[in-house]
Protein backbone atom coordinates (compact mmCIF):
# COMPACT_ATOMS: atom_id res chain seq x y z
CA UNK A 1 1.92 -8.76 -1.08
CA UNK A 2 -0.81 -6.54 -1.59
CA UNK A 3 1.30 -3.14 -2.46
CA UNK A 4 3.44 -5.21 -5.17
CA UNK A 5 -0.14 -6.74 -6.97
CA UNK A 6 -1.34 -3.32 -6.97
CA UNK A 7 1.26 -1.45 -8.39
CA UNK A 8 1.72 -3.77 -10.93
CA UNK A 9 -1.89 -3.49 -11.73
CA UNK A 10 -1.60 0.01 -11.81
CA UNK A 11 1.61 -0.43 -14.54
CA UNK A 12 4.00 1.35 -12.39
CA UNK A 13 7.33 0.82 -11.69
CA UNK A 14 8.47 1.20 -8.28
CA UNK A 15 10.61 4.41 -9.13
CA UNK A 16 7.16 5.71 -10.17
CA UNK A 17 5.07 4.79 -7.56
CA UNK A 18 7.61 6.41 -5.34
CA UNK A 19 7.74 9.76 -7.53
CA UNK A 20 3.94 9.78 -7.45
CA UNK A 21 3.76 8.87 -3.96
CA UNK A 22 6.56 11.64 -2.70
CA UNK A 23 8.03 7.99 -1.07
CA UNK A 24 11.57 6.75 -1.79
CA UNK A 25 12.45 3.26 -3.92
CA UNK A 26 13.83 2.00 -1.16
CA UNK A 27 10.50 2.27 1.14
CA UNK A 28 8.41 0.84 -1.56
CA UNK A 29 11.02 -2.00 -1.59
CA UNK A 30 10.85 -2.63 1.72
CA UNK A 31 7.46 -2.98 2.07
CA UNK A 32 7.03 -4.85 -1.02
CA UNK A 33 9.24 -7.29 0.58
CA UNK A 34 7.89 -7.39 3.67
CA UNK A 35 10.59 -5.66 5.87
CA UNK A 36 8.55 -2.95 6.86
CA UNK A 37 4.99 -3.49 7.52
CA UNK A 38 2.48 -1.40 5.89
CA UNK A 39 -0.43 -2.01 8.46
CA UNK A 40 2.11 -0.50 11.07
CA UNK A 41 2.90 2.50 8.75
CA UNK A 42 1.73 6.39 9.25
CA UNK A 43 -1.61 7.04 7.97
CA UNK A 44 -0.36 9.56 5.53
CA UNK A 45 2.06 7.09 4.19
CA UNK A 46 -1.01 4.18 3.54
CA UNK A 47 -2.88 7.14 2.01
CA UNK A 48 -0.09 8.36 -0.40
CA UNK A 49 0.46 5.06 -1.77
CA UNK A 50 -3.45 4.49 -2.20
CA UNK A 51 -4.00 7.61 -3.76
CA UNK A 52 -0.82 6.98 -6.24
CA UNK A 53 -2.66 3.33 -7.18
CA UNK A 54 -6.04 5.00 -7.26
CA UNK A 55 -7.25 2.35 -4.90
CA UNK A 56 -8.63 2.65 -1.09
CA UNK A 57 -6.40 2.61 1.72
CA UNK A 58 -8.41 -0.58 2.77
CA UNK A 59 -7.40 -2.20 -0.36
CA UNK A 60 -3.41 -2.10 0.87
CA UNK A 61 -3.93 -3.36 4.27
CA UNK A 62 -4.28 -6.97 5.96
CA UNK A 63 -7.50 -6.77 8.26
CA UNK A 64 -8.25 -9.68 10.30
CA UNK A 65 -12.17 -11.63 10.51
CA UNK A 66 -12.91 -9.37 13.31
CA UNK A 67 -12.35 -6.14 11.18
CA UNK A 68 -13.76 -7.77 7.96
CA UNK A 69 -16.91 -8.26 9.07
CA UNK A 70 -17.20 -5.18 11.11
CA UNK A 71 -16.54 -3.45 7.18
CA UNK A 72 -19.40 -5.89 5.89
CA UNK A 73 -21.84 -4.82 8.68
């Protein structure tokens, strides 16, 4: 899962990410376990996570082939 990989790369626990992003630990867990789909989250939720992890919003989302081609153009 992208979120878990980014969190671990940043050296954060779920609790630290939750505190930094303003989300609950349970919410972080659900996104990491795939119980919630981060692609369907509110934009502000994804933005808060990206900001807390020091990455771009796009780094946390799964994009399909067409979207990837559009970004590269």
